[in-house]
Amino acid sequence: MSQRRYTANDITDDALDELYTNANEGWRRGDRWKERALRAEAAVSRLTGWCDDLDEYMQVVVKDTTSKHPIAETVRQHLAEPEETSTK
C-alpha cells in the first residue's frame, strides 16, 4: 500500500519539513550525478584527444595521412556505442 497522502488541511510542519528534506537530498544527489557525468565527459574528451595525437604521430612516422594508430583505433572501438542486436 502507498503511504498516507496529505492534503493542505492536514499537513503538519514536521511532515512539510520531511518533504523538503527529502527533496533537498534528491536535488543534491542529482547535482552529484551531474558533476560525475561532467567529469566523465571531460575524461573521454581527453582520451579521444590523445587518440588523435597518436594518429597524427603514426601518420608522420609511416608518411601516410590516412594511417590510424592501432591503440587509438582499439580505444575508439571500446568507447563506441554498442550496436543493437535485438530482432524486434
PDB file of N, CA and C in Angstrom:
ATOM      1  N   MET A   1       0.835  -1.190   0.000  1.00  0.00           N
ATOM      2  CA  MET A   1       0.000   0.000   0.000  1.00  0.00           C
ATOM      3  C   MET A   1       0.877   1.250   0.000  1.00  0.00           C
ATOM      4  N   SER A   2       0.313   2.289  -0.545  1.00  0.00           N
ATOM      5  CA  SER A   2       1.059   3.538  -0.564  1.00  0.00           C
ATOM      6  C   SER A   2       0.922   4.247   0.781  1.00  0.00           C
ATOM      7  N   GLN A   3       1.862   5.150   1.014  1.00  0.00           N
ATOM      8  CA  GLN A   3       1.816   5.910   2.257  1.00  0.00           C
ATOM      9  C   GLN A   3       0.632   6.870   2.214  1.00  0.00           C
ATOM     10  N   ARG A   4       0.262   7.319   3.401  1.00  0.00           N
ATOM     11  CA  ARG A   4      -0.844   8.260   3.515  1.00  0.00           C
ATOM     12  C   ARG A   4      -0.508   9.533   2.769  1.00  0.00           C
ATOM     13  N   ARG A   5      -1.443  10.039   2.008  1.00  0.00           N
ATOM     14  CA  ARG A   5      -1.260  11.287   1.283  1.00  0.00           C
ATOM     15  C   ARG A   5      -1.829  12.429   2.121  1.00  0.00           C
ATOM     16  N   TYR A   6      -1.106  13.506   2.177  1.00  0.00           N
ATOM     17  CA  TYR A   6      -1.525  14.671   2.932  1.00  0.00           C
ATOM     18  C   TYR A   6      -2.296  15.629   2.043  1.00  0.00           C
ATOM     19  N   THR A   7      -3.222  16.341   2.656  1.00  0.00           N
ATOM     20  CA  THR A   7      -3.904  17.431   1.968  1.00  0.00           C
ATOM     21  C   THR A   7      -3.442  18.732   2.599  1.00  0.00           C
ATOM     22  N   ALA A   8      -3.777  19.835   1.979  1.00  0.00           N
ATOM     23  CA  ALA A   8      -3.374  21.135   2.518  1.00  0.00           C
ATOM     24  C   ALA A   8      -3.958  21.368   3.908  1.00  0.00           C
ATOM     25  N   ASN A   9      -5.080  20.739   4.212  1.00  0.00           N
ATOM     26  CA  ASN A   9      -5.723  20.950   5.506  1.00  0.00           C
ATOM     27  C   ASN A   9      -5.064  20.177   6.635  1.00  0.00           C
ATOM     28  N   ASP A  10      -4.398  19.064   6.319  1.00  0.00           N
ATOM     29  CA  ASP A  10      -3.907  18.256   7.441  1.00  0.00           C
ATOM     30  C   ASP A  10      -2.389  18.060   7.467  1.00  0.00           C
ATOM     31  N   ILE A  11      -1.633  18.727   6.598  1.00  0.00           N
ATOM     32  CA  ILE A  11      -0.179  18.572   6.630  1.00  0.00           C
ATOM     33  C   ILE A  11       0.382  19.312   7.840  1.00  0.00           C
ATOM     34  N   THR A  12       1.331  18.685   8.487  1.00  0.00           N
ATOM     35  CA  THR A  12       1.934  19.291   9.684  1.00  0.00           C
ATOM     36  C   THR A  12       3.283  19.906   9.315  1.00  0.00           C
ATOM     37  N   ASP A  13       3.802  20.721  10.209  1.00  0.00           N
ATOM     38  CA  ASP A  13       5.123  21.307   9.989  1.00  0.00           C
ATOM     39  C   ASP A  13       6.178  20.213   9.873  1.00  0.00           C
ATOM     40  N   ASP A  14       6.065  19.181  10.698  1.00  0.00           N
ATOM     41  CA  ASP A  14       7.033  18.080  10.648  1.00  0.00           C
ATOM     42  C   ASP A  14       6.969  17.348   9.307  1.00  0.00           C
ATOM     43  N   ALA A  15       5.766  17.105   8.816  1.00  0.00           N
ATOM     44  CA  ALA A  15       5.617  16.425   7.531  1.00  0.00           C
ATOM     45  C   ALA A  15       6.164  17.297   6.407  1.00  0.00           C
ATOM     46  N   LEU A  16       5.946  18.590   6.483  1.00  0.00           N
ATOM     47  CA  LEU A  16       6.456  19.504   5.468  1.00  0.00           C
ATOM     48  C   LEU A  16       7.984  19.569   5.520  1.00  0.00           C
ATOM     49  N   ASP A  17       8.539  19.598   6.726  1.00  0.00           N
ATOM     50  CA  ASP A  17       9.996  19.572   6.874  1.00  0.00           C
ATOM     51  C   ASP A  17      10.582  18.296   6.274  1.00  0.00           C
ATOM     52  N   GLU A  18       9.922  17.175   6.508  1.00  0.00           N
ATOM     53  CA  GLU A  18      10.377  15.898   5.964  1.00  0.00           C
ATOM     54  C   GLU A  18      10.335  15.917   4.433  1.00  0.00           C
ATOM     55  N   LEU A  19       9.280  16.488   3.893  1.00  0.00           N
ATOM     56  CA  LEU A  19       9.150  16.606   2.442  1.00  0.00           C
ATOM     57  C   LEU A  19      10.294  17.436   1.854  1.00  0.00           C
ATOM     58  N   TYR A  20      10.577  18.586   2.460  1.00  0.00           N
ATOM     59  CA  TYR A  20      11.652  19.445   1.959  1.00  0.00           C
ATOM     60  C   TYR A  20      13.017  18.782   2.125  1.00  0.00           C
ATOM     61  N   THR A  21      13.219  18.086   3.221  1.00  0.00           N
ATOM     62  CA  THR A  21      14.478  17.368   3.434  1.00  0.00           C
ATOM     63  C   THR A  21      14.676  16.325   2.341  1.00  0.00           C
ATOM     64  N   ASN A  22      13.629  15.572   2.059  1.00  0.00           N
ATOM     65  CA  ASN A  22      13.700  14.555   1.022  1.00  0.00           C
ATOM     66  C   ASN A  22      13.972  15.190  -0.345  1.00  0.00           C
ATOM     67  N   ALA A  23      13.313  16.283  -0.637  1.00  0.00           N
ATOM     68  CA  ALA A  23      13.517  16.966  -1.922  1.00  0.00           C
ATOM     69  C   ALA A  23      14.951  17.484  -2.032  1.00  0.00           C
ATOM     70  N   ASN A  24      15.462  18.069  -0.951  1.00  0.00           N
ATOM     71  CA  ASN A  24      16.836  18.574  -0.969  1.00  0.00           C
ATOM     72  C   ASN A  24      17.844  17.454  -1.189  1.00  0.00           C
ATOM     73  N   GLU A  25      17.617  16.312  -0.565  1.00  0.00           N
ATOM     74  CA  GLU A  25      18.515  15.171  -0.766  1.00  0.00           C
ATOM     75  C   GLU A  25      18.484  14.730  -2.229  1.00  0.00           C
ATOM     76  N   GLY A  26      17.314  14.719  -2.821  1.00  0.00           N
ATOM     77  CA  GLY A  26      17.194  14.365  -4.238  1.00  0.00           C
ATOM     78  C   GLY A  26      17.905  15.357  -5.132  1.00  0.00           C
ATOM     79  N   TRP A  27      17.767  16.635  -4.841  1.00  0.00           N
ATOM     80  CA  TRP A  27      18.445  17.655  -5.642  1.00  0.00           C
ATOM     81  C   TRP A  27      19.959  17.521  -5.518  1.00  0.00           C
ATOM     82  N   ARG A  28      20.448  17.314  -4.288  1.00  0.00           N
ATOM     83  CA  ARG A  28      21.892  17.159  -4.072  1.00  0.00           C
ATOM     84  C   ARG A  28      22.414  15.922  -4.799  1.00  0.00           C
ATOM     85  N   ARG A  29      21.639  14.834  -4.759  1.00  0.00           N
ATOM     86  CA  ARG A  29      22.042  13.612  -5.455  1.00  0.00           C
ATOM     87  C   ARG A  29      22.119  13.887  -6.961  1.00  0.00           C
ATOM     88  N   GLY A  30      21.153  14.604  -7.483  1.00  0.00           N
ATOM     89  CA  GLY A  30      21.180  14.976  -8.894  1.00  0.00           C
ATOM     90  C   GLY A  30      22.391  15.833  -9.225  1.00  0.00           C
ATOM     91  N   ASP A  31      22.737  16.752  -8.320  1.00  0.00           N
ATOM     92  CA  ASP A  31      23.929  17.588  -8.525  1.00  0.00           C
ATOM     93  C   ASP A  31      25.191  16.733  -8.562  1.00  0.00           C
ATOM     94  N   ARG A  32      25.277  15.738  -7.669  1.00  0.00           N
ATOM     95  CA  ARG A  32      26.446  14.850  -7.653  1.00  0.00           C
ATOM     96  C   ARG A  32      26.527  14.037  -8.942  1.00  0.00           C
ATOM     97  N   TRP A  33      25.393  13.519  -9.403  1.00  0.00           N
ATOM     98  CA  TRP A  33      25.374  12.750 -10.649  1.00  0.00           C
ATOM     99  C   TRP A  33      25.794  13.620 -11.825  1.00  0.00           C
ATOM    100  N   LYS A  34      25.310  14.853 -11.838  1.00  0.00           N
ATOM    101  CA  LYS A  34      25.669  15.761 -12.924  1.00  0.00           C
ATOM    102  C   LYS A  34      27.172  16.026 -12.911  1.00  0.00           C
ATOM    103  N   GLU A  35      27.740  16.249 -11.741  1.00  0.00           N
ATOM    104  CA  GLU A  35      29.181  16.509 -11.629  1.00  0.00           C
ATOM    105  C   GLU A  35      29.989  15.299 -12.096  1.00  0.00           C
ATOM    106  N   ARG A  36      29.544  14.107 -11.705  1.00  0.00           N
ATOM    107  CA  ARG A  36      30.229  12.890 -12.165  1.00  0.00           C
ATOM    108  C   ARG A  36      30.146  12.754 -13.680  1.00  0.00           C
ATOM    109  N   ALA A  37      28.996  13.053 -14.241  1.00  0.00           N
ATOM    110  CA  ALA A  37      28.820  12.968 -15.693  1.00  0.00           C
ATOM    111  C   ALA A  37      29.724  13.964 -16.405  1.00  0.00           C
ATOM    112  N   LEU A  38      29.830  15.165 -15.888  1.00  0.00           N
ATOM    113  CA  LEU A  38      30.690  16.174 -16.498  1.00  0.00           C
ATOM    114  C   LEU A  38      32.162  15.761 -16.434  1.00  0.00           C
ATOM    115  N   ARG A  39      32.579  15.184 -15.294  1.00  0.00           N
ATOM    116  CA  ARG A  39      33.957  14.708 -15.180  1.00  0.00           C
ATOM    117  C   ARG A  39      34.211  13.554 -16.149  1.00  0.00           C
ATOM    118  N   ALA A  40      33.235  12.660 -16.288  1.00  0.00           N
ATOM    119  CA  ALA A  40      33.380  11.524 -17.213  1.00  0.00           C
ATOM    120  C   ALA A  40      33.478  12.019 -18.655  1.00  0.00           C
ATOM    121  N   GLU A  41      32.644  12.980 -19.026  1.00  0.00           N
ATOM    122  CA  GLU A  41      32.705  13.526 -20.380  1.00  0.00           C
ATOM    123  C   GLU A  41      34.060  14.183 -20.643  1.00  0.00           C
ATOM    124  N   ALA A  42      34.588  14.887 -19.651  1.00  0.00           N
ATOM    125  CA  ALA A  42      35.897  15.529 -19.810  1.00  0.00           C
ATOM    126  C   ALA A  42      36.993  14.478 -19.971  1.00  0.00           C
ATOM    127  N   ALA A  43      36.908  13.388 -19.220  1.00  0.00           N
ATOM    128  CA  ALA A  43      37.903  12.318 -19.331  1.00  0.00           C
ATOM    129  C   ALA A  43      37.849  11.666 -20.708  1.00  0.00           C
ATOM    130  N   VAL A  44      36.645  11.420 -21.214  1.00  0.00           N
ATOM    131  CA  VAL A  44      36.504  10.822 -22.546  1.00  0.00           C
ATOM    132  C   VAL A  44      37.054  11.788 -23.599  1.00  0.00           C
ATOM    133  N   SER A  45      36.818  13.054 -23.427  1.00  0.00           N
ATOM    134  CA  SER A  45      37.340  14.048 -24.365  1.00  0.00           C
ATOM    135  C   SER A  45      38.870  14.052 -24.360  1.00  0.00           C
ATOM    136  N   ARG A  46      39.473  13.981 -23.171  1.00  0.00           N
ATOM    137  CA  ARG A  46      40.933  13.926 -23.095  1.00  0.00           C
ATOM    138  C   ARG A  46      41.455  12.651 -23.764  1.00  0.00           C
ATOM    139  N   LEU A  47      40.774  11.545 -23.532  1.00  0.00           N
ATOM    140  CA  LEU A  47      41.197  10.268 -24.113  1.00  0.00           C
ATOM    141  C   LEU A  47      41.105  10.283 -25.635  1.00  0.00           C
ATOM    142  N   THR A  48      40.017  10.800 -26.175  1.00  0.00           N
ATOM    143  CA  THR A  48      39.890  10.852 -27.636  1.00  0.00           C
ATOM    144  C   THR A  48      40.882  11.853 -28.236  1.00  0.00           C
ATOM    145  N   GLY A  49      41.206  12.902 -27.504  1.00  0.00           N
ATOM    146  CA  GLY A  49      42.249  13.838 -27.956  1.00  0.00           C
ATOM    147  C   GLY A  49      43.597  13.147 -28.027  1.00  0.00           C
ATOM    148  N   TRP A  50      43.883  12.304 -27.048  1.00  0.00           N
ATOM    149  CA  TRP A  50      45.121  11.531 -27.050  1.00  0.00           C
ATOM    150  C   TRP A  50      45.140  10.567 -28.240  1.00  0.00           C
ATOM    151  N   CYS A  51      43.990   9.972 -28.550  1.00  0.00           N
ATOM    152  CA  CYS A  51      43.892   9.089 -29.721  1.00  0.00           C
ATOM    153  C   CYS A  51      44.209   9.861 -30.998  1.00  0.00           C
ATOM    154  N   ASP A  52      43.710  11.076 -31.098  1.00  0.00           N
ATOM    155  CA  ASP A  52      44.007  11.912 -32.262  1.00  0.00           C
ATOM    156  C   ASP A  52      45.506  12.195 -32.356  1.00  0.00           C
ATOM    157  N   ASP A  53      46.137  12.456 -31.207  1.00  0.00           N
ATOM    158  CA  ASP A  53      47.585  12.686 -31.184  1.00  0.00           C
ATOM    159  C   ASP A  53      48.343  11.447 -31.659  1.00  0.00           C
ATOM    160  N   LEU A  54      47.898  10.271 -31.206  1.00  0.00           N
ATOM    161  CA  LEU A  54      48.535   9.028 -31.643  1.00  0.00           C
ATOM    162  C   LEU A  54      48.418   8.860 -33.156  1.00  0.00           C
ATOM    163  N   ASP A  55      47.240   9.175 -33.698  1.00  0.00           N
ATOM    164  CA  ASP A  55      47.046   9.081 -35.147  1.00  0.00           C
ATOM    165  C   ASP A  55      47.987  10.029 -35.892  1.00  0.00           C
ATOM    166  N   GLU A  56      48.098  11.250 -35.395  1.00  0.00           N
ATOM    167  CA  GLU A  56      48.986  12.221 -36.040  1.00  0.00           C
ATOM    168  C   GLU A  56      50.431  11.726 -36.024  1.00  0.00           C
ATOM    169  N   TYR A  57      50.858  11.182 -34.902  1.00  0.00           N
ATOM    170  CA  TYR A  57      52.211  10.650 -34.788  1.00  0.00           C
ATOM    171  C   TYR A  57      52.410   9.502 -35.785  1.00  0.00           C
ATOM    172  N   MET A  58      51.441   8.607 -35.850  1.00  0.00           N
ATOM    173  CA  MET A  58      51.520   7.462 -36.763  1.00  0.00           C
ATOM    174  C   MET A  58      51.620   7.925 -38.213  1.00  0.00           C
ATOM    175  N   GLN A  59      50.867   8.949 -38.571  1.00  0.00           N
ATOM    176  CA  GLN A  59      50.875   9.457 -39.940  1.00  0.00           C
ATOM    177  C   GLN A  59      52.231  10.042 -40.315  1.00  0.00           C
ATOM    178  N   VAL A  60      52.895  10.674 -39.352  1.00  0.00           N
ATOM    179  CA  VAL A  60      54.232  11.226 -39.605  1.00  0.00           C
ATOM    180  C   VAL A  60      55.243  10.095 -39.742  1.00  0.00           C
ATOM    181  N   VAL A  61      55.164   9.112 -38.857  1.00  0.00           N
ATOM    182  CA  VAL A  61      56.133   8.018 -38.865  1.00  0.00           C
ATOM    183  C   VAL A  61      56.055   7.194 -40.148  1.00  0.00           C
ATOM    184  N   VAL A  62      54.839   6.841 -40.561  1.00  0.00           N
ATOM    185  CA  VAL A  62      54.697   5.988 -41.749  1.00  0.00           C
ATOM    186  C   VAL A  62      54.503   6.800 -43.034  1.00  0.00           C
ATOM    187  N   LYS A  63      54.449   8.113 -42.911  1.00  0.00           N
ATOM    188  CA  LYS A  63      54.296   9.024 -44.060  1.00  0.00           C
ATOM    189  C   LYS A  63      53.050   8.694 -44.881  1.00  0.00           C
ATOM    190  N   ASP A  64      51.950   8.517 -44.157  1.00  0.00           N
ATOM    191  CA  ASP A  64      50.658   8.220 -44.793  1.00  0.00           C
ATOM    192  C   ASP A  64      49.580   8.959 -43.995  1.00  0.00           C
ATOM    193  N   THR A  65      48.938   9.936 -44.637  1.00  0.00           N
ATOM    194  CA  THR A  65      47.968  10.779 -43.925  1.00  0.00           C
ATOM    195  C   THR A  65      46.666  10.057 -43.575  1.00  0.00           C
ATOM    196  N   THR A  66      46.500   8.824 -44.035  1.00  0.00           N
ATOM    197  CA  THR A  66      45.281   8.076 -43.704  1.00  0.00           C
ATOM    198  C   THR A  66      45.515   7.023 -42.622  1.00  0.00           C
ATOM    199  N   SER A  67      46.751   6.896 -42.151  1.00  0.00           N
ATOM    200  CA  SER A  67      47.071   5.883 -41.144  1.00  0.00           C
ATOM    201  C   SER A  67      46.391   6.189 -39.812  1.00  0.00           C
ATOM    202  N   LYS A  68      46.007   5.123 -39.149  1.00  0.00           N
ATOM    203  CA  LYS A  68      45.427   5.220 -37.807  1.00  0.00           C
ATOM    204  C   LYS A  68      46.275   4.370 -36.873  1.00  0.00           C
ATOM    205  N   HIS A  69      46.539   4.899 -35.697  1.00  0.00           N
ATOM    206  CA  HIS A  69      47.314   4.152 -34.715  1.00  0.00           C
ATOM    207  C   HIS A  69      46.456   3.009 -34.179  1.00  0.00           C
ATOM    208  N   PRO A  70      47.007   1.801 -34.086  1.00  0.00           N
ATOM    209  CA  PRO A  70      46.205   0.659 -33.642  1.00  0.00           C
ATOM    210  C   PRO A  70      45.653   0.812 -32.224  1.00  0.00           C
ATOM    211  N   ILE A  71      46.404   1.423 -31.343  1.00  0.00           N
ATOM    212  CA  ILE A  71      45.892   1.625 -29.981  1.00  0.00           C
ATOM    213  C   ILE A  71      44.737   2.611 -30.001  1.00  0.00           C
ATOM    214  N   ALA A  72      44.876   3.679 -30.771  1.00  0.00           N
ATOM    215  CA  ALA A  72      43.797   4.674 -30.863  1.00  0.00           C
ATOM    216  C   ALA A  72      42.536   4.038 -31.424  1.00  0.00           C
ATOM    217  N   GLU A  73      42.688   3.201 -32.432  1.00  0.00           N
ATOM    218  CA  GLU A  73      41.524   2.537 -33.016  1.00  0.00           C
ATOM    219  C   GLU A  73      40.857   1.598 -32.007  1.00  0.00           C
ATOM    220  N   THR A  74      41.658   0.879 -31.245  1.00  0.00           N
ATOM    221  CA  THR A  74      41.106  -0.029 -30.232  1.00  0.00           C
ATOM    222  C   THR A  74      40.353   0.750 -29.155  1.00  0.00           C
ATOM    223  N   VAL A  75      40.933   1.862 -28.725  1.00  0.00           N
ATOM    224  CA  VAL A  75      40.264   2.702 -27.720  1.00  0.00           C
ATOM    225  C   VAL A  75      38.934   3.201 -28.273  1.00  0.00           C
ATOM    226  N   ARG A  76      38.929   3.672 -29.499  1.00  0.00           N
ATOM    227  CA  ARG A  76      37.685   4.175 -30.103  1.00  0.00           C
ATOM    228  C   ARG A  76      36.628   3.080 -30.213  1.00  0.00           C
ATOM    229  N   GLN A  77      37.053   1.867 -30.540  1.00  0.00           N
ATOM    230  CA  GLN A  77      36.109   0.752 -30.610  1.00  0.00           C
ATOM    231  C   GLN A  77      35.482   0.474 -29.249  1.00  0.00           C
ATOM    232  N   HIS A  78      36.294   0.562 -28.205  1.00  0.00           N
ATOM    233  CA  HIS A  78      35.769   0.312 -26.859  1.00  0.00           C
ATOM    234  C   HIS A  78      34.862   1.437 -26.368  1.00  0.00           C
ATOM    235  N   LEU A  79      35.080   2.634 -26.868  1.00  0.00           N
ATOM    236  CA  LEU A  79      34.246   3.769 -26.467  1.00  0.00           C
ATOM    237  C   LEU A  79      32.948   3.849 -27.264  1.00  0.00           C
ATOM    238  N   ALA A  80      32.909   3.192 -28.401  1.00  0.00           N
ATOM    239  CA  ALA A  80      31.737   3.294 -29.283  1.00  0.00           C
ATOM    240  C   ALA A  80      30.502   2.706 -28.614  1.00  0.00           C
ATOM    241  N   GLU A  81      29.367   3.248 -28.985  1.00  0.00           N
ATOM    242  CA  GLU A  81      28.085   2.715 -28.505  1.00  0.00           C
ATOM    243  C   GLU A  81      27.931   1.293 -29.010  1.00  0.00           C
ATOM    244  N   PRO A  82      27.450   0.394 -28.154  1.00  0.00           N
ATOM    245  CA  PRO A  82      27.224  -0.974 -28.646  1.00  0.00           C
ATOM    246  C   PRO A  82      26.125  -0.990 -29.697  1.00  0.00           C
ATOM    247  N   GLU A  83      26.276  -1.865 -30.669  1.00  0.00           N
ATOM    248  CA  GLU A  83      25.261  -1.971 -31.710  1.00  0.00           C
ATOM    249  C   GLU A  83      24.066  -2.734 -31.183  1.00  0.00           C
ATOM    250  N   GLU A  84      22.900  -2.374 -31.674  1.00  0.00           N
ATOM    251  CA  GLU A  84      21.657  -3.055 -31.304  1.00  0.00           C
ATOM    252  C   GLU A  84      21.676  -4.450 -31.924  1.00  0.00           C
ATOM    253  N   THR A  85      21.406  -5.469 -31.116  1.00  0.00           N
ATOM    254  CA  THR A  85      21.427  -6.832 -31.634  1.00  0.00           C
ATOM    255  C   THR A  85      20.063  -7.522 -31.524  1.00  0.00           C
ATOM    256  N   SER A  86      19.068  -6.828 -31.049  1.00  0.00           N
ATOM    257  CA  SER A  86      17.756  -7.459 -30.911  1.00  0.00           C
ATOM    258  C   SER A  86      17.092  -7.585 -32.283  1.00  0.00           C
ATOM    259  N   THR A  87      16.127  -8.469 -32.354  1.00  0.00           N
ATOM    260  CA  THR A  87      15.428  -8.707 -33.631  1.00  0.00           C
ATOM    261  C   THR A  87      13.998  -8.225 -33.572  1.00  0.00           C
ATOM    262  N   LYS A  88      13.716  -7.214 -32.847  1.00  0.00           N
ATOM    263  CA  LYS A  88      12.370  -6.664 -32.639  1.00  0.00           C
ATOM    264  C   LYS A  88      11.411  -7.028 -33.714  1.00  0.00           C
TER     265      LYS A  88
END
